[in-house]
Amino acid sequence: MKLIIALLLLIPNLSWGKPVFLECMDTEYPNSSLSRNIVSFDLDTGKLTAFDNKFSYLIYQANDAEILAQEVNTNDPSFIHISRITGEMMFISDTTKVYYDCGVAKKKF
């Protein structure tokens, strides 16, 4: 039993992951009431939600440097690129490109 627990702790792909929550701020309009954004992603399930769980994305590439995701169930999909090194998130659609500065969201209680 100790061996199984040790393996789960040492090998991240075998452990049960939890979603990571990011708090992102629009870099162009940081003082706007709409500039704050909560993004969550779960690498185990390959799902990413953005804009306070209003939009769902499918992660199609994830490594130590970046996460790339595409919006699901839409004719004009948008894309999200998150740099895991700089914390920058880029939201890209046909008409818009918006940059966000992200950090891990802290629990208040």
PDB file of N, CA and C in Angstrom:
ATOM      1  N   MET A   1       0.818  -1.189   0.000  1.00  0.00           N
ATOM      2  CA  MET A   1       0.000   0.000   0.000  1.00  0.00           C
ATOM      3  C   MET A   1       0.867   1.261   0.000  1.00  0.00           C
ATOM      4  N   LYS A   2       1.941   1.251   0.765  1.00  0.00           N
ATOM      5  CA  LYS A   2       2.840   2.398   0.797  1.00  0.00           C
ATOM      6  C   LYS A   2       3.469   2.638  -0.568  1.00  0.00           C
ATOM      7  N   LEU A   3       3.748   1.554  -1.291  1.00  0.00           N
ATOM      8  CA  LEU A   3       4.338   1.671  -2.621  1.00  0.00           C
ATOM      9  C   LEU A   3       3.373   2.365  -3.583  1.00  0.00           C
ATOM     10  N   ILE A   4       2.108   2.020  -3.518  1.00  0.00           N
ATOM     11  CA  ILE A   4       1.109   2.643  -4.405  1.00  0.00           C
ATOM     12  C   ILE A   4       0.990   4.130  -4.113  1.00  0.00           C
ATOM     13  N   ILE A   5       0.941   4.489  -2.848  1.00  0.00           N
ATOM     14  CA  ILE A   5       0.839   5.904  -2.487  1.00  0.00           C
ATOM     15  C   ILE A   5       2.089   6.658  -2.940  1.00  0.00           C
ATOM     16  N   ALA A   6       3.254   6.057  -2.767  1.00  0.00           N
ATOM     17  CA  ALA A   6       4.493   6.697  -3.197  1.00  0.00           C
ATOM     18  C   ALA A   6       4.505   6.898  -4.711  1.00  0.00           C
ATOM     19  N   LEU A   7       4.029   5.916  -5.467  1.00  0.00           N
ATOM     20  CA  LEU A   7       3.974   6.055  -6.926  1.00  0.00           C
ATOM     21  C   LEU A   7       3.026   7.170  -7.345  1.00  0.00           C
ATOM     22  N   LEU A   8       1.870   7.265  -6.686  1.00  0.00           N
ATOM     23  CA  LEU A   8       0.924   8.324  -7.031  1.00  0.00           C
ATOM     24  C   LEU A   8       1.490   9.708  -6.752  1.00  0.00           C
ATOM     25  N   LEU A   9       2.282   9.818  -5.720  1.00  0.00           N
ATOM     26  CA  LEU A   9       2.882  11.113  -5.405  1.00  0.00           C
ATOM     27  C   LEU A   9       4.057  11.448  -6.312  1.00  0.00           C
ATOM     28  N   LEU A  10       4.801  10.442  -6.725  1.00  0.00           N
ATOM     29  CA  LEU A  10       5.997  10.677  -7.533  1.00  0.00           C
ATOM     30  C   LEU A  10       5.714  10.810  -9.019  1.00  0.00           C
ATOM     31  N   ILE A  11       4.663  10.177  -9.502  1.00  0.00           N
ATOM     32  CA  ILE A  11       4.350  10.203 -10.932  1.00  0.00           C
ATOM     33  C   ILE A  11       3.085  11.042 -11.108  1.00  0.00           C
ATOM     34  N   PRO A  12       3.215  12.288 -11.559  1.00  0.00           N
ATOM     35  CA  PRO A  12       2.059  13.180 -11.638  1.00  0.00           C
ATOM     36  C   PRO A  12       0.955  12.683 -12.553  1.00  0.00           C
ATOM     37  N   ASN A  13       1.273  11.958 -13.609  1.00  0.00           N
ATOM     38  CA  ASN A  13       0.245  11.488 -14.533  1.00  0.00           C
ATOM     39  C   ASN A  13      -0.645  10.426 -13.920  1.00  0.00           C
ATOM     40  N   LEU A  14      -0.204   9.786 -12.856  1.00  0.00           N
ATOM     41  CA  LEU A  14      -1.020   8.770 -12.210  1.00  0.00           C
ATOM     42  C   LEU A  14      -1.836   9.327 -11.053  1.00  0.00           C
ATOM     43  N   SER A  15      -1.584  10.547 -10.652  1.00  0.00           N
ATOM     44  CA  SER A  15      -2.312  11.107  -9.524  1.00  0.00           C
ATOM     45  C   SER A  15      -3.573  11.807 -10.026  1.00  0.00           C
ATOM     46  N   TRP A  16      -4.530  11.950  -9.125  1.00  0.00           N
ATOM     47  CA  TRP A  16      -5.763  12.634  -9.480  1.00  0.00           C
ATOM     48  C   TRP A  16      -5.531  14.124  -9.349  1.00  0.00           C
ATOM     49  N   GLY A  17      -5.656  14.816 -10.460  1.00  0.00           N
ATOM     50  CA  GLY A  17      -5.402  16.245 -10.453  1.00  0.00           C
ATOM     51  C   GLY A  17      -6.644  17.035 -10.115  1.00  0.00           C
ATOM     52  N   LYS A  18      -6.435  18.235  -9.709  1.00  0.00           N
ATOM     53  CA  LYS A  18      -7.524  19.161  -9.447  1.00  0.00           C
ATOM     54  C   LYS A  18      -7.414  20.286 -10.457  1.00  0.00           C
ATOM     55  N   PRO A  19      -8.526  20.942 -10.756  1.00  0.00           N
ATOM     56  CA  PRO A  19      -8.443  22.082 -11.661  1.00  0.00           C
ATOM     57  C   PRO A  19      -7.588  23.193 -11.065  1.00  0.00           C
ATOM     58  N   VAL A  20      -6.893  23.902 -11.927  1.00  0.00           N
ATOM     59  CA  VAL A  20      -6.098  25.058 -11.528  1.00  0.00           C
ATOM     60  C   VAL A  20      -6.915  26.299 -11.869  1.00  0.00           C
ATOM     61  N   PHE A  21      -7.033  27.208 -10.922  1.00  0.00           N
ATOM     62  CA  PHE A  21      -7.790  28.437 -11.136  1.00  0.00           C
ATOM     63  C   PHE A  21      -6.818  29.601 -11.272  1.00  0.00           C
ATOM     64  N   LEU A  22      -7.013  30.382 -12.334  1.00  0.00           N
ATOM     65  CA  LEU A  22      -6.198  31.557 -12.578  1.00  0.00           C
ATOM     66  C   LEU A  22      -7.064  32.798 -12.497  1.00  0.00           C
ATOM     67  N   GLU A  23      -6.503  33.852 -11.945  1.00  0.00           N
ATOM     68  CA  GLU A  23      -7.154  35.149 -11.961  1.00  0.00           C
ATOM     69  C   GLU A  23      -6.411  35.998 -12.981  1.00  0.00           C
ATOM     70  N   CYS A  24      -7.129  36.436 -14.007  1.00  0.00           N
ATOM     71  CA  CYS A  24      -6.496  37.145 -15.122  1.00  0.00           C
ATOM     72  C   CYS A  24      -7.072  38.558 -15.237  1.00  0.00           C
ATOM     73  N   MET A  25      -6.183  39.500 -15.518  1.00  0.00           N
ATOM     74  CA  MET A  25      -6.577  40.902 -15.685  1.00  0.00           C
ATOM     75  C   MET A  25      -6.205  41.366 -17.093  1.00  0.00           C
ATOM     76  N   ASP A  26      -7.132  42.068 -17.708  1.00  0.00           N
ATOM     77  CA  ASP A  26      -6.900  42.649 -19.030  1.00  0.00           C
ATOM     78  C   ASP A  26      -5.747  43.649 -18.919  1.00  0.00           C
ATOM     79  N   THR A  27      -4.710  43.485 -19.734  1.00  0.00           N
ATOM     80  CA  THR A  27      -3.540  44.361 -19.629  1.00  0.00           C
ATOM     81  C   THR A  27      -3.794  45.746 -20.227  1.00  0.00           C
ATOM     82  N   GLU A  28      -4.735  45.866 -21.172  1.00  0.00           N
ATOM     83  CA  GLU A  28      -4.994  47.162 -21.796  1.00  0.00           C
ATOM     84  C   GLU A  28      -5.931  48.029 -20.945  1.00  0.00           C
ATOM     85  N   TYR A  29      -6.934  47.397 -20.309  1.00  0.00           N
ATOM     86  CA  TYR A  29      -7.903  48.123 -19.486  1.00  0.00           C
ATOM     87  C   TYR A  29      -7.996  47.477 -18.097  1.00  0.00           C
ATOM     88  N   PRO A  30      -6.958  47.583 -17.275  1.00  0.00           N
ATOM     89  CA  PRO A  30      -6.951  46.886 -15.987  1.00  0.00           C
ATOM     90  C   PRO A  30      -7.956  47.423 -14.973  1.00  0.00           C
ATOM     91  N   ASN A  31      -8.408  48.658 -15.116  1.00  0.00           N
ATOM     92  CA  ASN A  31      -9.334  49.242 -14.150  1.00  0.00           C
ATOM     93  C   ASN A  31     -10.793  49.115 -14.553  1.00  0.00           C
ATOM     94  N   SER A  32     -11.061  48.488 -15.681  1.00  0.00           N
ATOM     95  CA  SER A  32     -12.427  48.290 -16.127  1.00  0.00           C
ATOM     96  C   SER A  32     -13.114  47.247 -15.253  1.00  0.00           C
ATOM     97  N   SER A  33     -14.414  47.386 -15.076  1.00  0.00           N
ATOM     98  CA  SER A  33     -15.152  46.415 -14.253  1.00  0.00           C
ATOM     99  C   SER A  33     -15.206  45.044 -14.910  1.00  0.00           C
ATOM    100  N   LEU A  34     -14.992  44.973 -16.215  1.00  0.00           N
ATOM    101  CA  LEU A  34     -15.034  43.693 -16.935  1.00  0.00           C
ATOM    102  C   LEU A  34     -13.646  43.110 -17.167  1.00  0.00           C
ATOM    103  N   SER A  35     -12.608  43.732 -16.618  1.00  0.00           N
ATOM    104  CA  SER A  35     -11.252  43.295 -16.921  1.00  0.00           C
ATOM    105  C   SER A  35     -10.822  42.058 -16.130  1.00  0.00           C
ATOM    106  N   ARG A  36     -11.439  41.785 -14.990  1.00  0.00           N
ATOM    107  CA  ARG A  36     -11.080  40.633 -14.157  1.00  0.00           C
ATOM    108  C   ARG A  36     -11.753  39.387 -14.707  1.00  0.00           C
ATOM    109  N   ASN A  37     -10.990  38.313 -14.752  1.00  0.00           N
ATOM    110  CA  ASN A  37     -11.435  37.092 -15.388  1.00  0.00           C
ATOM    111  C   ASN A  37     -10.955  35.891 -14.593  1.00  0.00           C
ATOM    112  N   ILE A  38     -11.792  34.888 -14.416  1.00  0.00           N
ATOM    113  CA  ILE A  38     -11.376  33.644 -13.782  1.00  0.00           C
ATOM    114  C   ILE A  38     -11.325  32.561 -14.863  1.00  0.00           C
ATOM    115  N   VAL A  39     -10.173  31.900 -14.943  1.00  0.00           N
ATOM    116  CA  VAL A  39      -9.958  30.818 -15.903  1.00  0.00           C
ATOM    117  C   VAL A  39      -9.602  29.574 -15.100  1.00  0.00           C
ATOM    118  N   SER A  40     -10.185  28.445 -15.473  1.00  0.00           N
ATOM    119  CA  SER A  40      -9.802  27.188 -14.822  1.00  0.00           C
ATOM    120  C   SER A  40      -9.461  26.172 -15.893  1.00  0.00           C
ATOM    121  N   PHE A  41      -8.464  25.338 -15.577  1.00  0.00           N
ATOM    122  CA  PHE A  41      -8.132  24.266 -16.506  1.00  0.00           C
ATOM    123  C   PHE A  41      -7.763  23.019 -15.734  1.00  0.00           C
ATOM    124  N   ASP A  42      -8.055  21.891 -16.359  1.00  0.00           N
ATOM    125  CA  ASP A  42      -7.747  20.585 -15.791  1.00  0.00           C
ATOM    126  C   ASP A  42      -7.034  19.792 -16.879  1.00  0.00           C
ATOM    127  N   LEU A  43      -5.754  19.569 -16.703  1.00  0.00           N
ATOM    128  CA  LEU A  43      -4.972  18.876 -17.724  1.00  0.00           C
ATOM    129  C   LEU A  43      -5.351  17.411 -17.834  1.00  0.00           C
ATOM    130  N   ASP A  44      -5.885  16.820 -16.754  1.00  0.00           N
ATOM    131  CA  ASP A  44      -6.296  15.417 -16.811  1.00  0.00           C
ATOM    132  C   ASP A  44      -7.497  15.212 -17.726  1.00  0.00           C
ATOM    133  N   THR A  45      -8.465  16.130 -17.687  1.00  0.00           N
ATOM    134  CA  THR A  45      -9.655  16.012 -18.524  1.00  0.00           C
ATOM    135  C   THR A  45      -9.509  16.741 -19.851  1.00  0.00           C
ATOM    136  N   GLY A  46      -8.534  17.660 -19.939  1.00  0.00           N
ATOM    137  CA  GLY A  46      -8.329  18.414 -21.172  1.00  0.00           C
ATOM    138  C   GLY A  46      -9.334  19.530 -21.361  1.00  0.00           C
ATOM    139  N   LYS A  47      -9.955  19.993 -20.274  1.00  0.00           N
ATOM    140  CA  LYS A  47     -10.966  21.046 -20.371  1.00  0.00           C
ATOM    141  C   LYS A  47     -10.466  22.334 -19.749  1.00  0.00           C
ATOM    142  N   LEU A  48     -10.866  23.440 -20.346  1.00  0.00           N
ATOM    143  CA  LEU A  48     -10.549  24.767 -19.861  1.00  0.00           C
ATOM    144  C   LEU A  48     -11.831  25.582 -19.918  1.00  0.00           C
ATOM    145  N   THR A  49     -12.126  26.315 -18.871  1.00  0.00           N
ATOM    146  CA  THR A  49     -13.265  27.227 -18.890  1.00  0.00           C
ATOM    147  C   THR A  49     -12.744  28.630 -18.667  1.00  0.00           C
ATOM    148  N   ALA A  50     -13.391  29.581 -19.305  1.00  0.00           N
ATOM    149  CA  ALA A  50     -12.938  30.967 -19.217  1.00  0.00           C
ATOM    150  C   ALA A  50     -14.126  31.896 -19.066  1.00  0.00           C
ATOM    151  N   PHE A  51     -13.816  33.113 -18.689  1.00  0.00           N
ATOM    152  CA  PHE A  51     -14.798  34.171 -18.545  1.00  0.00           C
ATOM    153  C   PHE A  51     -15.904  33.729 -17.587  1.00  0.00           C
ATOM    154  N   ASP A  52     -15.445  33.339 -16.375  1.00  0.00           N
ATOM    155  CA  ASP A  52     -16.329  32.944 -15.272  1.00  0.00           C
ATOM    156  C   ASP A  52     -17.260  31.790 -15.663  1.00  0.00           C
ATOM    157  N   ASN A  53     -16.682  30.768 -16.264  1.00  0.00           N
ATOM    158  CA  ASN A  53     -17.373  29.527 -16.660  1.00  0.00           C
ATOM    159  C   ASN A  53     -18.435  29.717 -17.737  1.00  0.00           C
ATOM    160  N   LYS A  54     -18.377  30.796 -18.493  1.00  0.00           N
ATOM    161  CA  LYS A  54     -19.346  31.025 -19.555  1.00  0.00           C
ATOM    162  C   LYS A  54     -18.954  30.327 -20.852  1.00  0.00           C
ATOM    163  N   PHE A  55     -17.652  30.056 -21.039  1.00  0.00           N
ATOM    164  CA  PHE A  55     -17.190  29.456 -22.281  1.00  0.00           C
ATOM    165  C   PHE A  55     -16.313  28.238 -21.982  1.00  0.00           C
ATOM    166  N   SER A  56     -16.506  27.181 -22.762  1.00  0.00           N
ATOM    167  CA  SER A  56     -15.731  25.947 -22.594  1.00  0.00           C
ATOM    168  C   SER A  56     -14.752  25.789 -23.744  1.00  0.00           C
ATOM    169  N   TYR A  57     -13.577  25.312 -23.399  1.00  0.00           N
ATOM    170  CA  TYR A  57     -12.518  25.106 -24.377  1.00  0.00           C
ATOM    171  C   TYR A  57     -11.956  23.702 -24.216  1.00  0.00           C
ATOM    172  N   LEU A  58     -11.435  23.170 -25.304  1.00  0.00           N
ATOM    173  CA  LEU A  58     -10.764  21.879 -25.303  1.00  0.00           C
ATOM    174  C   LEU A  58      -9.273  22.129 -25.454  1.00  0.00           C
ATOM    175  N   ILE A  59      -8.499  21.628 -24.497  1.00  0.00           N
ATOM    176  CA  ILE A  59      -7.045  21.799 -24.547  1.00  0.00           C
ATOM    177  C   ILE A  59      -6.490  20.836 -25.587  1.00  0.00           C
ATOM    178  N   TYR A  60      -5.806  21.364 -26.590  1.00  0.00           N
ATOM    179  CA  TYR A  60      -5.231  20.492 -27.607  1.00  0.00           C
ATOM    180  C   TYR A  60      -3.715  20.411 -27.522  1.00  0.00           C
ATOM    181  N   GLN A  61      -3.098  21.245 -26.712  1.00  0.00           N
ATOM    182  CA  GLN A  61      -1.661  21.122 -26.476  1.00  0.00           C
ATOM    183  C   GLN A  61      -1.346  21.687 -25.102  1.00  0.00           C
ATOM    184  N   ALA A  62      -0.601  20.917 -24.330  1.00  0.00           N
ATOM    185  CA  ALA A  62      -0.178  21.381 -23.000  1.00  0.00           C
ATOM    186  C   ALA A  62       1.200  20.812 -22.718  1.00  0.00           C
ATOM    187  N   ASN A  63       2.100  21.674 -22.327  1.00  0.00           N
ATOM    188  CA  ASN A  63       3.435  21.248 -21.917  1.00  0.00           C
ATOM    189  C   ASN A  63       3.909  22.175 -20.807  1.00  0.00           C
ATOM    190  N   ASP A  64       5.162  22.107 -20.465  1.00  0.00           N
ATOM    191  CA  ASP A  64       5.681  22.930 -19.364  1.00  0.00           C
ATOM    192  C   ASP A  64       5.720  24.413 -19.697  1.00  0.00           C
ATOM    193  N   ALA A  65       5.645  24.763 -20.979  1.00  0.00           N
ATOM    194  CA  ALA A  65       5.768  26.156 -21.382  1.00  0.00           C
ATOM    195  C   ALA A  65       4.437  26.826 -21.707  1.00  0.00           C
ATOM    196  N   GLU A  66       3.462  26.068 -22.227  1.00  0.00           N
ATOM    197  CA  GLU A  66       2.234  26.708 -22.683  1.00  0.00           C
ATOM    198  C   GLU A  66       1.047  25.764 -22.670  1.00  0.00           C
ATOM    199  N   ILE A  67      -0.132  26.371 -22.716  1.00  0.00           N
ATOM    200  CA  ILE A  67      -1.389  25.644 -22.851  1.00  0.00           C
ATOM    201  C   ILE A  67      -2.137  26.293 -24.006  1.00  0.00           C
ATOM    202  N   LEU A  68      -2.579  25.485 -24.962  1.00  0.00           N
ATOM    203  CA  LEU A  68      -3.344  25.970 -26.102  1.00  0.00           C
ATOM    204  C   LEU A  68      -4.715  25.302 -26.086  1.00  0.00           C
ATOM    205  N   ALA A  69      -5.772  26.092 -26.260  1.00  0.00           N
ATOM    206  CA  ALA A  69      -7.126  25.560 -26.208  1.00  0.00           C
ATOM    207  C   ALA A  69      -7.994  26.224 -27.267  1.00  0.00           C
ATOM    208  N   GLN A  70      -9.002  25.465 -27.727  1.00  0.00           N
ATOM    209  CA  GLN A  70      -9.941  25.951 -28.731  1.00  0.00           C
ATOM    210  C   GLN A  70     -11.352  25.821 -28.189  1.00  0.00           C
ATOM    211  N   GLU A  71     -12.160  26.836 -28.444  1.00  0.00           N
ATOM    212  CA  GLU A  71     -13.552  26.827 -27.976  1.00  0.00           C
ATOM    213  C   GLU A  71     -14.314  25.694 -28.655  1.00  0.00           C
ATOM    214  N   VAL A  72     -15.191  25.052 -27.907  1.00  0.00           N
ATOM    215  CA  VAL A  72     -15.971  23.940 -28.441  1.00  0.00           C
ATOM    216  C   VAL A  72     -17.389  24.386 -28.752  1.00  0.00           C
ATOM    217  N   ASN A  73     -18.038  23.642 -29.630  1.00  0.00           N
ATOM    218  CA  ASN A  73     -19.454  23.830 -29.970  1.00  0.00           C
ATOM    219  C   ASN A  73     -19.782  25.212 -30.514  1.00  0.00           C
ATOM    220  N   THR A  74     -19.007  25.658 -31.468  1.00  0.00           N
ATOM    221  CA  THR A  74     -19.288  26.950 -32.097  1.00  0.00           C
ATOM    222  C   THR A  74     -18.779  26.940 -33.534  1.00  0.00           C
ATOM    223  N   ASN A  75     -19.401  27.751 -34.380  1.00  0.00           N
ATOM    224  CA  ASN A  75     -18.981  27.833 -35.780  1.00  0.00           C
ATOM    225  C   ASN A  75     -17.772  28.738 -35.957  1.00  0.00           C
ATOM    226  N   ASP A  76     -17.642  29.751 -35.111  1.00  0.00           N
ATOM    227  CA  ASP A  76     -16.498  30.663 -35.141  1.00  0.00           C
ATOM    228  C   ASP A  76     -15.725  30.511 -33.841  1.00  0.00           C
ATOM    229  N   PRO A  77     -14.859  29.501 -33.768  1.00  0.00           N
ATOM    230  CA  PRO A  77     -14.193  29.248 -32.483  1.00  0.00           C
ATOM    231  C   PRO A  77     -13.170  30.321 -32.130  1.00  0.00           C
ATOM    232  N   SER A  78     -13.025  30.519 -30.853  1.00  0.00           N
ATOM    233  CA  SER A  78     -11.960  31.381 -30.350  1.00  0.00           C
ATOM    234  C   SER A  78     -10.877  30.483 -29.762  1.00  0.00           C
ATOM    235  N   PHE A  79      -9.718  31.064 -29.547  1.00  0.00           N
ATOM    236  CA  PHE A  79      -8.573  30.303 -29.049  1.00  0.00           C
ATOM    237  C   PHE A  79      -8.002  30.992 -27.829  1.00  0.00           C
ATOM    238  N   ILE A  80      -7.411  30.210 -26.951  1.00  0.00           N
ATOM    239  CA  ILE A  80      -6.725  30.739 -25.779  1.00  0.00           C
ATOM    240  C   ILE A  80      -5.317  30.160 -25.754  1.00  0.00           C
ATOM    241  N   HIS A  81      -4.360  31.042 -25.551  1.00  0.00           N
ATOM    242  CA  HIS A  81      -2.961  30.646 -25.388  1.00  0.00           C
ATOM    243  C   HIS A  81      -2.506  31.162 -24.037  1.00  0.00           C
ATOM    244  N   ILE A  82      -2.048  30.256 -23.168  1.00  0.00           N
ATOM    245  CA  ILE A  82      -1.551  30.642 -21.853  1.00  0.00           C
ATOM    246  C   ILE A  82      -0.086  30.264 -21.767  1.00  0.00           C
ATOM    247  N   SER A  83       0.743  31.251 -21.480  1.00  0.00           N
ATOM    248  CA  SER A  83       2.163  30.989 -21.252  1.00  0.00           C
ATOM    249  C   SER A  83       2.340  30.632 -19.781  1.00  0.00           C
ATOM    250  N   ARG A  84       2.839  29.436 -19.521  1.00  0.00           N
ATOM    251  CA  ARG A  84       3.038  29.001 -18.136  1.00  0.00           C
ATOM    252  C   ARG A  84       4.306  29.611 -17.543  1.00  0.00           C
ATOM    253  N   ILE A  85       5.108  30.259 -18.372  1.00  0.00           N
ATOM    254  CA  ILE A  85       6.347  30.873 -17.898  1.00  0.00           C
ATOM    255  C   ILE A  85       6.104  32.334 -17.514  1.00  0.00           C
ATOM    256  N   THR A  86       5.437  33.091 -18.387  1.00  0.00           N
ATOM    257  CA  THR A  86       5.224  34.514 -18.119  1.00  0.00           C
ATOM    258  C   THR A  86       3.891  34.806 -17.444  1.00  0.00           C
ATOM    259  N   GLY A  87       2.939  33.874 -17.511  1.00  0.00           N
ATOM    260  CA  GLY A  87       1.607  34.105 -16.945  1.00  0.00           C
ATOM    261  C   GLY A  87       0.704  34.900 -17.860  1.00  0.00           C
ATOM    262  N   GLU A  88       1.107  35.106 -19.093  1.00  0.00           N
ATOM    263  CA  GLU A  88       0.300  35.874 -20.039  1.00  0.00           C
ATOM    264  C   GLU A  88      -0.704  34.961 -20.736  1.00  0.00           C
ATOM    265  N   MET A  89      -1.945  35.422 -20.829  1.00  0.00           N
ATOM    266  CA  MET A  89      -2.973  34.709 -21.581  1.00  0.00           C
ATOM    267  C   MET A  89      -3.370  35.576 -22.762  1.00  0.00           C
ATOM    268  N   MET A  90      -3.516  34.949 -23.919  1.00  0.00           N
ATOM    269  CA  MET A  90      -3.945  35.657 -25.113  1.00  0.00           C
ATOM    270  C   MET A  90      -5.259  35.023 -25.580  1.00  0.00           C
ATOM    271  N   PHE A  91      -6.293  35.839 -25.691  1.00  0.00           N
ATOM    272  CA  PHE A  91      -7.587  35.419 -26.217  1.00  0.00           C
ATOM    273  C   PHE A  91      -7.654  35.876 -27.663  1.00  0.00           C
ATOM    274  N   ILE A  92      -7.918  34.943 -28.572  1.00  0.00           N
ATOM    275  CA  ILE A  92      -7.918  35.259 -30.001  1.00  0.00           C
ATOM    276  C   ILE A  92      -9.233  34.807 -30.622  1.00  0.00           C
ATOM    277  N   SER A  93      -9.919  35.721 -31.285  1.00  0.00           N
ATOM    278  CA  SER A  93     -11.087  35.378 -32.094  1.00  0.00           C
ATOM    279  C   SER A  93     -10.893  35.999 -33.468  1.00  0.00           C
ATOM    280  N   ASP A  94     -11.891  35.884 -34.322  1.00  0.00           N
ATOM    281  CA  ASP A  94     -11.781  36.457 -35.672  1.00  0.00           C
ATOM    282  C   ASP A  94     -11.588  37.965 -35.643  1.00  0.00           C
ATOM    283  N   THR A  95     -12.183  38.623 -34.674  1.00  0.00           N
ATOM    284  CA  THR A  95     -12.165  40.081 -34.653  1.00  0.00           C
ATOM    285  C   THR A  95     -11.358  40.686 -33.507  1.00  0.00           C
ATOM    286  N   THR A  96     -10.926  39.864 -32.561  1.00  0.00           N
ATOM    287  CA  THR A  96     -10.316  40.403 -31.345  1.00  0.00           C
ATOM    288  C   THR A  96      -9.073  39.627 -30.941  1.00  0.00           C
ATOM    289  N   LYS A  97      -8.138  40.356 -30.383  1.00  0.00           N
ATOM    290  CA  LYS A  97      -6.980  39.756 -29.724  1.00  0.00           C
ATOM    291  C   LYS A  97      -6.776  40.541 -28.437  1.00  0.00           C
ATOM    292  N   VAL A  98      -6.970  39.880 -27.290  1.00  0.00           N
ATOM    293  CA  VAL A  98      -6.887  40.537 -25.991  1.00  0.00           C
ATOM    294  C   VAL A  98      -5.841  39.819 -25.153  1.00  0.00           C
ATOM    295  N   TYR A  99      -5.005  40.603 -24.471  1.00  0.00           N
ATOM    296  CA  TYR A  99      -3.956  40.057 -23.618  1.00  0.00           C
ATOM    297  C   TYR A  99      -4.336  40.222 -22.151  1.00  0.00           C
ATOM    298  N   TYR A 100      -4.061  39.184 -21.376  1.00  0.00           N
ATOM    299  CA  TYR A 100      -4.335  39.179 -19.949  1.00  0.00           C
ATOM    300  C   TYR A 100      -3.069  38.793 -19.196  1.00  0.00           C
ATOM    301  N   ASP A 101      -2.934  39.332 -18.004  1.00  0.00           N
ATOM    302  CA  ASP A 101      -1.862  38.943 -17.089  1.00  0.00           C
ATOM    303  C   ASP A 101      -2.502  38.055 -16.023  1.00  0.00           C
ATOM    304  N   CYS A 102      -2.022  36.821 -15.896  1.00  0.00           N
ATOM    305  CA  CYS A 102      -2.651  35.834 -15.028  1.00  0.00           C
ATOM    306  C   CYS A 102      -1.742  35.400 -13.883  1.00  0.00           C
ATOM    307  N   GLY A 103      -2.367  35.023 -12.804  1.00  0.00           N
ATOM    308  CA  GLY A 103      -1.678  34.438 -11.669  1.00  0.00           C
ATOM    309  C   GLY A 103      -2.600  33.419 -11.021  1.00  0.00           C
ATOM    310  N   VAL A 104      -2.054  32.545 -10.243  1.00  0.00           N
ATOM    311  CA  VAL A 104      -2.874  31.537  -9.575  1.00  0.00           C
ATOM    312  C   VAL A 104      -3.799  32.227  -8.591  1.00  0.00           C
ATOM    313  N   ALA A 105      -5.092  31.915  -8.678  1.00  0.00           N
ATOM    314  CA  ALA A 105      -6.069  32.521  -7.784  1.00  0.00           C
ATOM    315  C   ALA A 105      -5.893  31.957  -6.377  1.00  0.00           C
ATOM    316  N   LYS A 106      -5.968  32.825  -5.409  1.00  0.00           N
ATOM    317  CA  LYS A 106      -5.837  32.442  -4.012  1.00  0.00           C
ATOM    318  C   LYS A 106      -7.214  32.287  -3.392  1.00  0.00           C
ATOM    319  N   LYS A 107      -7.358  31.300  -2.522  1.00  0.00           N
ATOM    320  CA  LYS A 107      -8.608  31.114  -1.810  1.00  0.00           C
ATOM    321  C   LYS A 107      -8.732  32.180  -0.728  1.00  0.00           C
ATOM    322  N   LYS A 108      -9.922  32.714  -0.572  1.00  0.00           N
ATOM    323  CA  LYS A 108     -10.161  33.736   0.447  1.00  0.00           C
ATOM    324  C   LYS A 108     -10.494  33.117   1.791  1.00  0.00           C
ATOM    325  N   PHE A 109     -11.082  31.934   1.797  1.00  0.00           N
ATOM    326  CA  PHE A 109     -11.403  31.260   3.060  1.00  0.00           C
ATOM    327  C   PHE A 109     -11.429  29.767   2.857  1.00  0.00           C
TER     328      PHE A 109
END
